[in-house]
Amino acid sequence: MRPRFAIVHIRQKSLVRGIVLSLGAFAASLLLAGFPHIENLRGSRWQILALLIAAWGMGDVARCLQRRWSLYHGGVLLLLYADLMILAMIVFLVAYP
């Protein structure tokens, strides 16, 4: 008997998968930009891949929205705004000279 986790199955909705993808892409983007050494901060073409993965994570979170408003719906909206800030930070790091 195999466990059926929603994280593994792409066709099922999963907030955890969306959050992990977005935060992982943000962490990877920071490392690709040279984060621990601020004086060596630079943009990298590989960060575009991190941007796409973060957008995929945002799409996964957006799939979890419900039609009627509830506290769950409000929490998902907050996560969407956080994902939007992650996307903006990755774009800023890519465009950084």
Protein backbone atom coordinates (compact mmCIF):
# COMPACT_ATOMS: atom_id res chain seq x y z
CA MET A 1 0.00 0.00 0.00
CA ARG A 2 1.50 3.32 -1.10
CA PRO A 3 0.93 6.55 0.80
CA ARG A 4 -0.98 9.14 -1.18
CA PHE A 5 0.37 12.54 -0.21
CA ALA A 6 -0.93 15.62 -2.03
CA ILE A 7 2.60 17.06 -2.08
CA VAL A 8 3.81 14.40 -4.48
CA HIS A 9 0.83 14.41 -6.86
CA ILE A 10 0.96 17.45 -9.12
CA ARG A 11 -2.71 17.27 -10.13
CA GLN A 12 -3.91 17.68 -6.54
CA LYS A 13 -4.00 21.03 -4.75
CA SER A 14 -1.31 21.52 -2.11
CA LEU A 15 -0.48 24.62 -0.11
CA VAL A 16 2.64 23.00 1.30
CA ARG A 17 4.05 22.27 -2.16
CA GLY A 18 3.44 25.87 -3.28
CA ILE A 19 5.08 27.33 -0.19
CA VAL A 20 8.08 24.99 -0.40
CA LEU A 21 8.58 25.76 -4.09
CA SER A 22 8.42 29.52 -3.54
CA LEU A 23 10.69 29.60 -0.48
CA GLY A 24 13.13 27.16 -2.06
CA ALA A 25 13.32 29.25 -5.23
CA PHE A 26 13.89 32.38 -3.14
CA ALA A 27 16.67 30.72 -1.16
CA ALA A 28 18.27 29.44 -4.36
CA SER A 29 18.03 32.90 -5.92
CA LEU A 30 19.74 34.45 -2.91
CA LEU A 31 22.54 31.90 -3.05
CA LEU A 32 22.95 32.37 -6.82
CA ALA A 33 23.22 36.12 -6.27
CA GLY A 34 26.02 35.59 -3.74
CA PHE A 35 24.02 36.44 -0.65
CA PRO A 36 26.41 35.81 2.24
CA HIS A 37 28.86 38.28 0.69
CA ILE A 38 26.91 41.48 0.08
CA GLU A 39 29.87 43.19 -1.59
CA ASN A 40 29.84 40.49 -4.32
CA LEU A 41 26.09 40.72 -5.01
CA ARG A 42 25.38 40.17 -8.70
CA GLY A 43 22.65 38.94 -11.01
CA SER A 44 22.80 35.52 -12.60
CA ARG A 45 20.99 34.06 -15.58
CA TRP A 46 20.22 30.93 -13.54
CA GLN A 47 17.95 33.05 -11.36
CA ILE A 48 15.42 33.08 -14.19
CA LEU A 49 14.90 29.38 -13.48
CA ALA A 50 14.32 30.26 -9.82
CA LEU A 51 11.81 32.91 -10.96
CA LEU A 52 9.89 30.30 -12.98
CA ILE A 53 9.86 27.86 -10.06
CA ALA A 54 8.58 30.60 -7.74
CA ALA A 55 5.84 31.43 -10.26
CA TRP A 56 4.91 27.73 -10.34
CA GLY A 57 4.71 27.78 -6.54
CA MET A 58 2.48 30.85 -6.66
CA GLY A 59 0.23 29.05 -9.13
CA ASP A 60 -0.03 26.09 -6.76
CA VAL A 61 -1.03 28.39 -3.91
CA ALA A 62 -3.57 30.17 -6.14
CA ARG A 63 -5.21 26.85 -6.98
CA CYS A 64 -6.13 26.48 -3.29
CA LEU A 65 -8.40 29.56 -3.26
CA GLN A 66 -12.03 28.86 -2.48
CA ARG A 67 -15.03 30.57 -4.05
CA ARG A 68 -16.54 31.72 -0.76
CA TRP A 69 -14.64 33.88 1.69
CA SER A 70 -13.46 32.25 4.92
CA LEU A 71 -10.43 32.49 7.17
CA TYR A 72 -8.78 29.81 5.02
CA HIS A 73 -9.39 31.96 1.93
CA GLY A 74 -7.89 34.97 3.72
CA GLY A 75 -4.81 32.92 4.70
CA VAL A 76 -4.34 31.80 1.11
CA LEU A 77 -4.57 35.44 -0.01
CA LEU A 78 -1.83 36.36 2.48
CA LEU A 79 0.32 33.56 1.08
CA LEU A 80 -0.30 34.87 -2.44
CA TYR A 81 0.88 38.33 -1.39
CA ALA A 82 3.98 36.76 0.16
CA ASP A 83 4.62 34.88 -3.09
CA LEU A 84 4.24 38.14 -5.00
CA MET A 85 6.90 39.73 -2.77
CA ILE A 86 9.17 36.72 -3.38
CA LEU A 87 8.74 37.16 -7.14
CA ALA A 88 9.54 40.87 -6.85
CA MET A 89 12.69 40.15 -4.85
CA ILE A 90 13.88 37.58 -7.40
CA VAL A 91 13.28 40.05 -10.23
CA PHE A 92 15.22 42.67 -8.28
CA LEU A 93 18.12 40.24 -7.76
CA VAL A 94 18.14 39.26 -11.44
CA ALA A 95 18.21 42.89 -12.57
CA TYR A 96 20.88 43.85 -10.03
CA PRO A 97 24.07 44.77 -11.92
